[in-house]
Amino acid sequence: MFELILLGCCIGLLSGFFGIGGGTILVPALLLLGFDIKVAIGISVVQMIFSSVYGSYLNFKKGTLDAIMVLAIGLGGFCGAFLSGVITSNISDENLELFFLTFVSFALIRVFFSPKEYKEQKDVAKWILVLIGFIIGGLSMSIGVGGSLLLVPILVGFLHVPLKQATSAGLFFVVFSSVSGFISHFLSGHVDYESGVVIGLASLVGVYVGVHLKHKVDVIIQKRLLIVFYFIVVIYLVKRIFF
């Protein structure tokens, strides 16, 4: 229980600061504690509901959440996430972990090569935003992450959204994908409710601290920390899968 509470606080801090659902760290951490990957993914989905809803509320109060843009992406993500339980049930544990590694590596490369800030944000048709959300929702929830890990680099690198707004948007997207993903994983029988709720409640403390830190830190420092965060996850997954 102590380990789960401590883990929840740490995951919440990362979730609030980087705008992620938390599954990027939580799933590997649960694997390290001896959980099966499919059970770990189910726990991660439960935790993401807690952190994403509370974190989005805090970001909205801070004025960095563009709810209209993310609503289109979120609706697509909600629909795509319904496929996640089926995908998880039909893919082996080894392939899920390999896919997880590919997912994080792409995000690391995309963020690393993006400039500090773009001069102007791109205008994109709503149907394209919905399609982006659908693809991210289906793929991300299959491996127990909320989708912001891939969405934030897309918003920054392709749509030229400022980093602080992109991280807020990423966490808001997790609200849609995690609720839908929970329904899908519930139907597939992958959810450990007790562990998920314990970690989820503990994460609220970390989310509060993380969101407030995000709005005080310079964007350059935030980007560097985000790259370090992605890199550590990639190294851990490479070691776990190939060594």
Foldseek 3Di string as FASTA:
>chain_A
DVVLLVLLLVLLQCCQQQLWLSLLPQLVVVVVVPDQSLLSLQLLLLLSLLSLVLSLVVVVVVPLEPCVLLVLLLQLLLQLLLQQLVLLVPDDSLVLLVLSLVLLVVLLVLLVPFDQADPDFADDDSVVSSPNSNVQNNSQSNRNIQSLSPQLSCRCRPRRDHNLSSSSSSSNSSNSSSVSNNVNNVVSVNYDPVSSVSSNVSSSNSSVVNNVVNVVDDSVVSSVVSSVVSVVSSVVSCVVNPD
